[in-house]
Amino acid sequence: MQRFIPDQVVISEILVVVVLISVPIMLCVKPLSLIYCCAPKPHAHAEFERVEPVEEDGENQLKERASIGAEEGRNDIRTYEELLN
């Protein structure tokens, strides 16, 4: 007793070959495109020359900004408390 029709065997073999060809292609598209097409460009030296140095007193400025932000936060909380009461 034959389990498959001869045409089914040919079609199934063709489909297996298509799968064996297409799966590696699908898996390699993104890595290959990143390597050959969309690779990040190295930075030019001129770009780094345009960067300005940070001020010497930068840490004090950060502390001042943090204290100002904390005070504004307290004022916001007081405003909400007044609205709720």
Protein backbone atom coordinates (compact mmCIF):
# COMPACT_ATOMS: atom_id res chain seq x y z
CA MET A 1 0.00 0.00 0.00
CA GLN A 2 1.41 3.33 -1.07
CA ARG A 3 1.12 6.21 1.43
CA PHE A 4 1.78 9.14 -0.90
CA ILE A 5 0.77 10.05 -4.39
CA PRO A 6 3.89 10.54 -6.54
CA ASP A 7 3.02 14.20 -7.17
CA GLN A 8 2.84 14.81 -3.41
CA VAL A 9 6.39 13.59 -2.99
CA VAL A 10 7.70 15.98 -5.63
CA ILE A 11 5.82 18.93 -4.15
CA SER A 12 6.97 18.12 -0.61
CA GLU A 13 10.61 17.84 -1.74
CA ILE A 14 10.36 21.19 -3.52
CA LEU A 15 8.90 22.79 -0.40
CA VAL A 16 11.65 21.34 1.78
CA VAL A 17 14.28 22.79 -0.56
CA VAL A 18 12.52 26.18 -0.48
CA VAL A 19 12.52 26.11 3.32
CA LEU A 20 16.17 25.07 3.48
CA ILE A 21 17.08 28.01 1.26
CA SER A 22 14.80 30.66 2.75
CA VAL A 23 15.33 30.11 6.49
CA PRO A 24 19.08 30.92 6.49
CA ILE A 25 18.40 33.93 4.26
CA MET A 26 15.75 35.21 6.68
CA LEU A 27 18.06 34.73 9.65
CA CYS A 28 21.01 36.48 8.02
CA VAL A 29 19.30 39.55 6.59
CA LYS A 30 19.44 41.78 9.66
CA PRO A 31 23.03 41.01 10.75
CA LEU A 32 24.33 41.39 7.19
CA SER A 33 22.44 44.62 6.62
CA LEU A 34 23.86 46.06 9.83
CA ILE A 35 27.35 45.06 8.82
CA TYR A 36 27.28 46.28 5.21
CA CYS A 37 24.61 48.98 4.95
CA CYS A 38 23.84 50.59 8.25
CA ALA A 39 27.09 50.31 10.19
CA PRO A 40 27.63 53.30 12.46
CA LYS A 41 30.13 55.72 11.04
CA PRO A 42 33.23 56.51 13.11
CA HIS A 43 33.22 59.98 14.62
CA ALA A 44 35.41 62.56 13.04
CA HIS A 45 38.03 64.25 15.17
CA ALA A 46 36.48 67.64 14.37
CA GLU A 47 33.29 66.67 16.17
CA PHE A 48 35.18 66.22 19.42
CA GLU A 49 36.94 69.53 19.03
CA ARG A 50 33.58 71.31 19.05
CA VAL A 51 32.74 69.97 22.51
CA GLU A 52 33.24 72.67 25.11
CA PRO A 53 34.71 71.80 28.51
CA VAL A 54 32.53 71.84 31.59
CA GLU A 55 32.81 74.80 33.91
CA GLU A 56 35.05 74.38 36.93
CA ASP A 57 32.23 75.09 39.36
CA GLY A 58 29.87 72.54 37.84
CA GLU A 59 29.28 70.59 41.06
CA ASN A 60 28.10 73.69 42.94
CA GLN A 61 25.72 74.50 40.08
CA LEU A 62 24.25 71.02 40.32
CA LYS A 63 23.72 71.41 44.06
CA GLU A 64 22.05 74.80 43.53
CA ARG A 65 19.72 73.36 40.88
CA ALA A 66 18.84 70.43 43.14
CA SER A 67 17.97 72.75 46.04
CA ILE A 68 15.87 74.97 43.75
CA GLY A 69 14.05 71.90 42.42
CA ALA A 70 13.44 70.61 45.95
CA GLU A 71 11.99 73.97 47.01
CA GLU A 72 9.71 74.05 43.96
CA GLY A 73 8.60 70.53 44.80
CA ARG A 74 7.72 71.58 48.35
CA ASN A 75 5.73 74.53 46.98
CA ASP A 76 3.84 72.18 44.67
CA ILE A 77 2.98 69.88 47.56
CA ARG A 78 1.72 72.84 49.60
CA THR A 79 -0.41 73.95 46.66
CA TYR A 80 -2.02 70.51 46.37
CA GLU A 81 -2.60 70.33 50.11
CA GLU A 82 -4.36 73.70 50.00
CA LEU A 83 -6.53 72.52 47.11
CA LEU A 84 -7.53 69.36 48.95
CA ASN A 85 -8.39 71.16 52.21
